[in-house]
Protein backbone atom coordinates (compact mmCIF):
# COMPACT_ATOMS: atom_id res chain seq x y z
CA MET A 1 117.72 -62.10 29.70
CA SER A 2 118.77 -58.40 29.67
CA LYS A 3 119.86 -56.58 32.78
CA GLN A 4 117.17 -54.44 34.12
CA GLU A 5 117.49 -51.06 34.43
CA ASN A 6 116.63 -49.03 37.59
CA ILE A 7 114.64 -45.68 36.53
CA PRO A 8 115.08 -42.85 38.89
CA ILE A 9 111.79 -41.08 40.04
CA ASP A 10 111.81 -37.41 39.93
CA VAL A 11 110.65 -36.25 43.42
CA ASP A 12 110.12 -32.69 44.41
CA ASP A 13 111.20 -32.68 47.92
CA ARG A 14 109.81 -29.28 48.50
CA LYS A 15 106.39 -30.84 48.07
CA VAL A 16 106.58 -33.72 50.12
CA ILE A 17 106.92 -34.67 53.82
CA LYS A 18 110.25 -36.57 54.45
CA ARG A 19 110.77 -38.77 57.67
CA LYS A 20 113.56 -41.18 58.56
CA TYR A 21 112.80 -44.33 60.20
CA LYS A 22 114.83 -46.93 61.63
CA LEU A 23 114.99 -50.32 60.16
CA ARG A 24 114.43 -53.41 62.60
CA ARG A 25 115.21 -56.99 62.26
CA THR A 26 112.39 -59.19 63.30
CA GLY A 27 110.89 -62.76 63.02
CA ALA A 28 112.49 -66.07 63.32
CA GLN A 29 116.45 -65.83 62.54
CA ASN A 30 116.15 -62.07 61.62
CA ALA A 31 114.30 -63.00 58.33
CA THR A 32 112.14 -59.93 58.48
CA ILE A 33 113.00 -56.16 58.09
CA GLN A 34 110.55 -53.96 59.55
CA ILE A 35 110.15 -49.87 59.29
CA THR A 36 107.45 -47.63 60.89
CA VAL A 37 104.57 -46.21 58.68
CA PRO A 38 103.82 -42.61 59.53
CA LYS A 39 100.46 -42.53 61.41
CA ALA A 40 99.92 -39.36 59.20
CA ALA A 41 99.96 -41.49 56.03
CA VAL A 42 97.35 -43.89 57.44
CA GLU A 43 95.09 -41.07 58.64
CA ARG A 44 95.32 -39.31 55.32
CA GLU A 45 94.31 -42.63 53.34
CA ALA A 46 91.55 -43.27 55.83
CA ARG A 47 90.01 -40.00 55.25
CA ARG A 48 90.42 -40.46 51.21
CA LEU A 49 88.24 -43.62 51.88
CA GLY A 50 85.77 -42.21 54.25
CA ILE A 51 86.57 -44.31 57.15
CA ASN A 52 88.35 -43.90 60.29
CA GLU A 53 92.09 -44.99 61.24
CA GLU A 54 90.79 -47.95 63.29
CA GLU A 55 89.04 -49.21 60.25
CA ALA A 56 91.77 -48.47 58.09
CA VAL A 57 94.12 -50.72 60.19
CA GLU A 58 91.76 -53.61 59.72
CA LYS A 59 90.56 -53.22 56.38
CA LEU A 60 94.10 -52.19 54.67
CA PHE A 61 97.18 -53.65 53.81
CA GLY A 62 100.43 -52.01 52.66
CA VAL A 63 101.84 -52.72 49.23
CA TRP A 64 105.59 -51.91 48.67
CA ARG A 65 106.52 -51.49 44.83
CA TYR A 66 110.01 -51.81 44.05
CA ASN A 67 112.68 -53.21 41.48
CA SER A 68 112.15 -51.09 38.46
CA PHE A 69 112.94 -47.98 39.76
CA LEU A 70 115.14 -46.59 42.40
CA GLY A 71 113.67 -46.53 45.94
CA LEU A 72 110.37 -47.90 47.08
CA HIS A 73 106.82 -46.80 46.59
CA LEU A 74 104.16 -47.83 49.52
CA ASP A 75 100.47 -47.63 48.61
CA PHE A 76 97.16 -48.86 50.71
CA GLU A 77 95.01 -51.50 49.09
CA MET A 78 91.83 -52.52 50.61
CA LYS A 79 91.45 -56.48 51.72
CA LYS A 80 89.16 -58.11 49.67
CA GLU A 81 86.59 -58.83 52.24
CA ALA A 82 86.71 -55.11 53.56
CA GLN A 83 85.86 -54.36 49.78
CA SER A 84 82.86 -56.12 49.84
CA GLU A 85 81.97 -54.74 53.03
CA LEU A 86 82.42 -51.17 51.82
CA SER A 87 80.51 -51.47 48.54
CA GLY A 88 77.55 -53.33 50.57
CA SER A 89 77.61 -50.39 52.61
CA ARG A 90 77.25 -47.56 50.34
CA GLU A 91 74.44 -49.00 48.22
């Protein structure tokens, strides 16, 4: 098996919003680390999807991608039951 190479991602810091958040240990035996997601990021995703913030909290989950590049990438995906609700309301 070959060693996996971490590929740097070129981010133009002049065009991104940058915030620092503390990491918190949680769960039994501190098995989980949590970090805050900025409210503005959730609001932006909700607007993109045409839903409000409350619906976003109920219908989305965060998906972290990592391991094949340096850093982390957070994206939001719709829960399966929420996808069918949204597609049904748009018909």
